[in-house]
Protein backbone atom coordinates (compact mmCIF):
# COMPACT_ATOMS: atom_id res chain seq x y z
CA MET A 1 19.86 27.53 20.28
CA THR A 2 23.06 27.79 18.22
CA ALA A 3 22.68 29.33 14.80
CA LEU A 4 23.50 27.25 11.74
CA THR A 5 26.27 28.94 9.75
CA TYR A 6 27.42 28.31 6.19
CA ASP A 7 30.46 29.52 4.26
CA SER A 8 30.67 30.08 0.51
CA ARG A 9 32.80 26.99 -0.09
CA SER A 10 30.41 24.64 1.68
CA GLN A 11 27.53 26.41 -0.04
CA LEU A 12 29.01 25.57 -3.45
CA ARG A 13 29.53 21.93 -2.47
CA GLY A 14 25.96 21.88 -1.18
CA VAL A 15 24.65 23.18 -4.51
CA ILE A 16 26.56 20.45 -6.36
CA ALA A 17 25.27 17.77 -3.98
CA ALA A 18 21.71 19.04 -4.33
CA GLY A 19 22.06 18.99 -8.12
CA VAL A 20 23.28 15.37 -8.04
CA SER A 21 20.43 14.48 -5.69
CA ALA A 22 17.76 16.17 -7.81
CA THR A 23 19.05 14.48 -10.95
CA SER A 24 19.11 11.09 -9.20
CA PHE A 25 15.50 11.52 -8.08
CA GLY A 26 14.63 12.47 -11.66
CA VAL A 27 16.20 9.19 -12.84
CA SER A 28 14.25 7.33 -10.14
CA ILE A 29 10.93 8.85 -11.22
CA THR A 30 11.61 8.13 -14.90
CA PHE A 31 12.51 4.48 -14.35
CA ALA A 32 9.60 4.06 -11.95
CA THR A 33 7.34 4.62 -14.97
CA VAL A 34 9.16 1.70 -16.64
CA ALA A 35 8.36 -0.44 -13.58
CA TYR A 36 4.69 0.66 -13.75
CA ALA A 37 4.54 -0.33 -17.41
CA GLY A 38 5.94 -3.74 -16.40
CA GLY A 39 3.14 -4.40 -13.91
CA SER A 40 4.21 -2.61 -10.72
CA ASP A 41 2.49 0.29 -8.94
CA PRO A 42 3.54 3.40 -6.94
CA LEU A 43 3.03 1.80 -3.50
CA THR A 44 5.24 -1.15 -4.41
CA VAL A 45 7.95 1.07 -5.89
CA VAL A 46 8.02 3.29 -2.77
CA ALA A 47 8.21 0.26 -0.46
CA PHE A 48 10.85 -1.51 -2.58
CA ARG A 49 13.18 1.48 -2.75
CA THR A 50 12.72 2.18 0.98
CA VAL A 51 13.63 -1.41 1.91
CA ALA A 52 16.58 -1.23 -0.51
CA GLY A 53 17.72 1.98 1.20
CA LEU A 54 17.50 0.31 4.61
CA LEU A 55 19.50 -2.75 3.56
CA ILE A 56 22.19 -0.73 1.77
CA SER A 57 22.61 1.77 4.61
CA LEU A 58 22.70 -0.99 7.25
CA ALA A 59 25.42 -2.77 5.29
CA ILE A 60 27.50 0.40 5.02
CA VAL A 61 27.02 1.33 8.68
CA SER A 62 28.03 -2.18 9.76
CA PHE A 63 31.15 -2.02 7.59
CA VAL A 64 32.32 1.43 8.74
CA ARG A 65 31.07 0.89 12.31
CA ARG A 66 28.95 4.00 12.65
CA PRO A 67 26.15 4.36 15.26
CA LEU A 68 22.73 3.18 14.14
CA LEU A 69 20.75 5.72 16.15
CA PRO A 70 21.15 9.51 16.35
CA GLU A 71 21.76 11.55 19.48
CA ARG A 72 18.69 12.41 21.54
CA ASN A 73 18.72 16.11 20.61
CA ALA A 74 18.45 15.16 16.90
CA MET A 75 15.42 12.89 17.35
CA THR A 76 12.72 15.56 16.96
CA PRO A 77 14.05 17.14 13.73
CA LEU A 78 14.73 13.67 12.31
CA MET A 79 11.20 12.46 13.05
CA LEU A 80 9.76 15.59 11.41
CA MET A 81 12.06 15.06 8.42
CA VAL A 82 10.91 11.43 8.05
CA ALA A 83 7.28 12.58 8.30
CA GLY A 84 8.04 15.00 5.48
CA LEU A 85 9.56 12.20 3.39
CA LEU A 86 6.41 10.11 3.80
CA PHE A 87 4.20 13.09 2.94
CA VAL A 88 6.21 13.58 -0.25
CA ASN A 89 6.19 9.90 -1.21
CA TYR A 90 2.47 9.34 -0.76
CA GLY A 91 1.11 12.81 -1.43
CA TYR A 92 3.05 13.09 -4.67
CA ASN A 93 2.17 9.60 -5.90
CA TRP A 94 -1.54 9.81 -5.00
CA SER A 95 -2.00 13.30 -6.46
CA VAL A 96 -1.40 12.05 -10.01
CA HIS A 97 -4.40 9.72 -9.69
CA TYR A 98 -6.68 12.76 -9.61
CA ILE A 99 -4.94 15.60 -11.46
CA PRO A 100 -2.51 15.81 -14.41
CA ILE A 101 1.07 15.03 -13.41
CA SER A 102 2.32 18.41 -14.68
CA LEU A 103 -0.10 20.22 -12.34
CA ALA A 104 0.84 17.92 -9.44
CA VAL A 105 4.53 18.69 -9.96
CA LEU A 106 3.90 22.44 -10.14
CA VAL A 107 1.87 22.44 -6.91
CA PHE A 108 4.50 20.30 -5.19
CA TYR A 109 7.29 22.67 -6.22
CA THR A 110 5.76 25.53 -4.31
CA PHE A 111 7.80 24.10 -1.41
CA PRO A 112 11.06 25.98 -2.26
CA LEU A 113 9.17 29.28 -1.96
CA ILE A 114 7.72 28.17 1.38
CA VAL A 115 11.18 27.13 2.63
CA LEU A 116 12.46 30.59 1.67
CA ALA A 117 9.62 32.16 3.67
CA VAL A 118 10.31 29.93 6.69
CA GLU A 119 14.00 30.79 6.54
CA ALA A 120 13.16 34.52 6.38
CA LEU A 121 10.84 34.22 9.38
CA GLY A 122 13.54 32.41 11.32
CA ASN A 123 15.96 35.25 10.58
CA TRP A 124 13.33 37.93 11.35
CA ARG A 125 14.04 39.66 8.06
CA LEU A 126 12.58 39.73 4.59
CA PRO A 127 14.44 37.72 1.94
CA ALA A 128 16.71 39.71 -0.35
CA VAL A 129 14.98 41.03 -3.45
CA ALA A 130 17.35 39.07 -5.69
CA SER A 131 16.63 35.84 -3.79
CA LEU A 132 12.87 36.36 -3.97
CA PHE A 133 13.16 37.13 -7.69
CA ALA A 134 15.20 33.94 -8.22
CA PHE A 135 12.66 31.72 -6.46
CA VAL A 136 9.71 33.23 -8.33
CA LEU A 137 11.65 32.96 -11.61
CA ALA A 138 12.31 29.26 -10.94
CA PHE A 139 8.61 28.66 -10.28
CA ILE A 140 7.62 30.47 -13.48
CA GLY A 141 10.28 28.51 -15.36
CA LEU A 142 8.83 25.23 -14.11
CA GLY A 143 5.38 26.36 -15.22
CA LEU A 144 6.73 27.01 -18.73
CA ALA A 145 8.67 23.74 -18.85
CA LEU A 146 5.80 21.61 -17.55
CA GLY A 147 2.89 23.33 -19.31
CA PRO A 148 0.34 22.20 -16.69
CA SER A 149 -3.29 21.64 -17.62
CA PHE A 150 -5.91 23.26 -15.38
CA ALA A 151 -8.82 21.53 -17.09
CA GLU A 152 -9.02 18.66 -14.59
CA LEU A 153 -9.01 20.26 -11.14
CA ASN A 154 -9.88 17.80 -8.39
CA TRP A 155 -9.74 18.80 -4.73
CA ARG A 156 -8.32 15.41 -3.68
CA GLY A 157 -5.45 15.67 -6.12
CA LEU A 158 -4.71 19.27 -5.12
CA LEU A 159 -4.84 18.30 -1.43
CA CYS A 160 -2.39 15.43 -1.98
CA ALA A 161 -0.01 17.68 -3.94
CA CYS A 162 -0.21 20.33 -1.19
CA LEU A 163 0.53 17.63 1.41
CA ALA A 164 3.60 16.67 -0.61
CA SER A 165 4.66 20.33 -0.68
CA VAL A 166 4.37 20.55 3.12
CA GLY A 167 6.46 17.38 3.26
CA GLY A 168 9.15 19.03 1.17
CA VAL A 169 9.25 21.94 3.62
CA LEU A 170 9.58 19.60 6.60
CA MET A 171 12.35 17.64 4.90
CA PHE A 172 14.53 20.63 4.08
CA VAL A 173 13.94 22.75 7.18
CA PHE A 174 14.29 20.00 9.78
CA GLY A 175 16.65 17.85 7.74
CA ALA A 176 19.14 20.73 7.79
CA ARG A 177 19.03 20.82 11.59
CA ALA A 178 19.44 17.06 11.91
CA ALA A 179 22.30 16.97 9.39
CA ARG A 180 24.42 19.38 11.46
CA THR A 181 24.69 16.95 14.40
CA THR A 182 24.05 13.53 12.84
CA GLY A 183 26.26 11.47 10.56
CA LEU A 184 25.20 10.85 6.97
CA MET A 185 24.76 7.08 7.28
CA THR A 186 23.09 7.34 10.70
CA MET A 187 20.51 9.70 9.17
CA THR A 188 19.97 7.29 6.29
CA VAL A 189 19.54 4.23 8.53
CA PHE A 190 17.21 6.03 10.94
CA THR A 191 15.09 7.38 8.08
CA HIS A 192 14.55 3.92 6.63
CA ILE A 193 14.07 2.20 9.99
CA ILE A 194 11.06 4.47 10.52
CA ALA A 195 9.81 4.67 6.94
CA GLY A 196 10.42 1.04 5.94
CA PRO A 197 7.75 -0.69 8.08
CA LEU A 198 5.23 2.06 7.31
CA THR A 199 5.66 1.70 3.54
CA ILE A 200 5.41 -2.10 3.76
CA MET A 201 2.20 -1.86 5.83
CA ALA A 202 0.77 0.56 3.26
CA VAL A 203 1.45 -1.94 0.45
CA PHE A 204 -0.36 -4.78 2.23
CA ALA A 205 -3.18 -2.49 3.32
CA PHE A 206 -3.98 -1.93 -0.37
CA GLY A 207 -3.84 -5.53 -1.58
CA GLY A 208 -0.18 -6.52 -1.41
CA PRO A 209 2.84 -5.82 -3.62
CA ALA A 210 2.46 -5.55 -7.37
CA LEU A 211 5.82 -6.86 -8.56
CA PRO A 212 6.82 -6.42 -12.21
CA THR A 213 5.92 -9.21 -14.58
CA THR A 214 8.53 -8.38 -17.25
CA GLY A 215 12.31 -8.18 -17.30
CA LEU A 216 12.15 -4.53 -18.33
CA GLY A 217 9.83 -3.84 -15.42
CA TRP A 218 12.32 -5.37 -12.98
CA LEU A 219 15.11 -3.30 -14.54
CA GLY A 220 13.03 -0.16 -14.02
CA LEU A 221 12.28 -1.10 -10.42
CA ASN A 222 15.93 -1.73 -9.55
CA VAL A 223 17.23 1.38 -11.27
CA ALA A 224 14.50 3.46 -9.59
CA ALA A 225 15.54 2.07 -6.18
CA ALA A 226 19.29 2.60 -6.75
CA ALA A 227 18.76 6.15 -8.01
CA TYR A 228 16.50 6.90 -5.03
CA VAL A 229 19.12 5.74 -2.50
CA ASN A 230 21.81 7.80 -4.24
CA GLY A 231 19.50 10.82 -4.36
CA LEU A 232 18.69 10.60 -0.66
CA LEU A 233 22.35 10.30 0.35
CA PHE A 234 23.29 13.39 -1.67
CA GLN A 235 20.23 15.23 -0.36
CA PHE A 236 21.47 14.70 3.19
CA ILE A 237 24.91 15.97 2.14
CA ALA A 238 23.31 19.07 0.60
CA MET A 239 21.32 19.68 3.78
CA ARG A 240 24.55 19.73 5.78
CA LEU A 241 26.42 22.07 3.44
CA ALA A 242 23.87 24.55 2.05
CA THR A 243 21.06 26.63 3.51
CA PRO A 244 17.64 24.95 3.39
CA ALA A 245 16.30 27.53 0.93
CA LEU A 246 19.18 27.16 -1.52
CA ALA A 247 19.13 23.36 -1.36
CA ALA A 248 15.37 23.42 -1.98
CA MET A 249 15.84 25.84 -4.88
CA VAL A 250 18.32 23.53 -6.62
CA PHE A 251 15.73 20.76 -6.44
CA ASN A 252 13.82 22.58 -9.16
CA MET A 253 16.25 20.66 -11.40
CA GLU A 254 14.41 17.39 -10.68
CA PRO A 255 11.47 17.96 -13.06
CA LEU A 256 13.92 19.24 -15.67
CA ALA A 257 15.88 15.99 -15.35
CA VAL A 258 12.66 14.02 -15.85
CA ILE A 259 11.82 16.05 -18.97
CA VAL A 260 15.31 15.54 -20.43
CA LEU A 261 15.27 11.80 -19.69
CA ALA A 262 11.81 11.46 -21.20
CA THR A 263 13.14 13.18 -24.31
CA LEU A 264 16.23 10.97 -24.54
CA TYR A 265 14.75 7.58 -23.65
CA LEU A 266 10.99 7.79 -24.06
CA GLY A 267 10.92 9.64 -27.37
CA GLU A 268 9.08 12.75 -26.17
CA ARG A 269 9.72 16.06 -27.96
CA LEU A 270 10.31 19.44 -26.33
CA GLU A 271 8.73 22.71 -27.43
CA MET A 272 10.59 26.01 -27.45
CA VAL A 273 8.62 27.23 -24.43
CA GLN A 274 9.94 24.24 -22.45
CA TYR A 275 13.53 25.13 -23.35
CA ALA A 276 12.81 28.70 -22.20
CA GLY A 277 11.43 27.37 -18.92
CA GLY A 278 14.54 25.27 -18.34
CA VAL A 279 16.77 28.30 -18.95
CA CYS A 280 14.72 30.29 -16.40
CA VAL A 281 15.17 27.58 -13.76
CA LEU A 282 18.93 27.32 -14.32
CA ALA A 283 19.31 31.11 -14.27
CA ALA A 284 17.32 31.26 -11.03
CA ILE A 285 19.59 28.68 -9.38
CA LEU A 286 22.66 30.67 -10.45
CA ILE A 287 21.20 33.91 -9.03
CA ALA A 288 20.21 32.26 -5.74
CA SER A 289 23.60 30.58 -5.27
CA ARG A 290 25.38 33.95 -5.51
CA GLN A 291 23.42 35.58 -2.68
CA ARG A 292 25.03 36.46 0.65
CA ILE A 293 24.63 33.67 3.20
CA GLN A 294 22.69 34.31 6.40
CA PRO A 295 22.98 32.10 9.50
CA ILE A 296 19.89 30.05 10.37
CA PRO A 297 18.81 30.45 14.03
């Protein structure tokens, strides 16, 4: 199998793309809460944004005349990547029904550390000390920024959050392989062709869609969907340009984006420890992005 190689210039572009993607997903999560307040629910939001992604990507592919389906050798990594996406969508959303959201986010964001370990195993070498330090620093920074509560531990919530973390690993490890041989829009169309019907079936299996009943709720739903599509497109770009571990590391910015947006638009106030946590995460991303690049077998 040919090794995946990255140069420093593409690595930098990948970091920027991953940052845009993480911020977009943060916007999507924040405005999803507006949709929930307007009468919607997580299953409906996931299905709506997936269908929106399918329609938008089909329109773009039809306009630029790109193939709808990937090459045969990309099918397996793409299917595993889509499975990861579904694990993230449902594991993440269901976990917060049983455990505090801050704890769910912290458990979910163990996935960058796991991606680093998988990458090291693939290279048959331990990760560099500086890289390991950066990933641990980012995780500690998230813990400070989120301030998770451990008072309400529920095995179902922890299991769902762990499932989402496994999904994150699948997305970044196998998404990187698929992105090297498959066009951006083809990946997007294929992802939503598989995920779209599954998310719609899930909605109807649990009583049907819960559409917003207020204008503000509809605004939240549409912004959440648009930000999700933008985030997924830039995530696929990041997967093509940066190593899986570095792209996953930059995604630690997503919870920070949610915290900042909640402060700006929802009136929440930050404590000094949260500022310190944010600085730790940003410092960790800077350290990780300066490490020597290794090819991925």
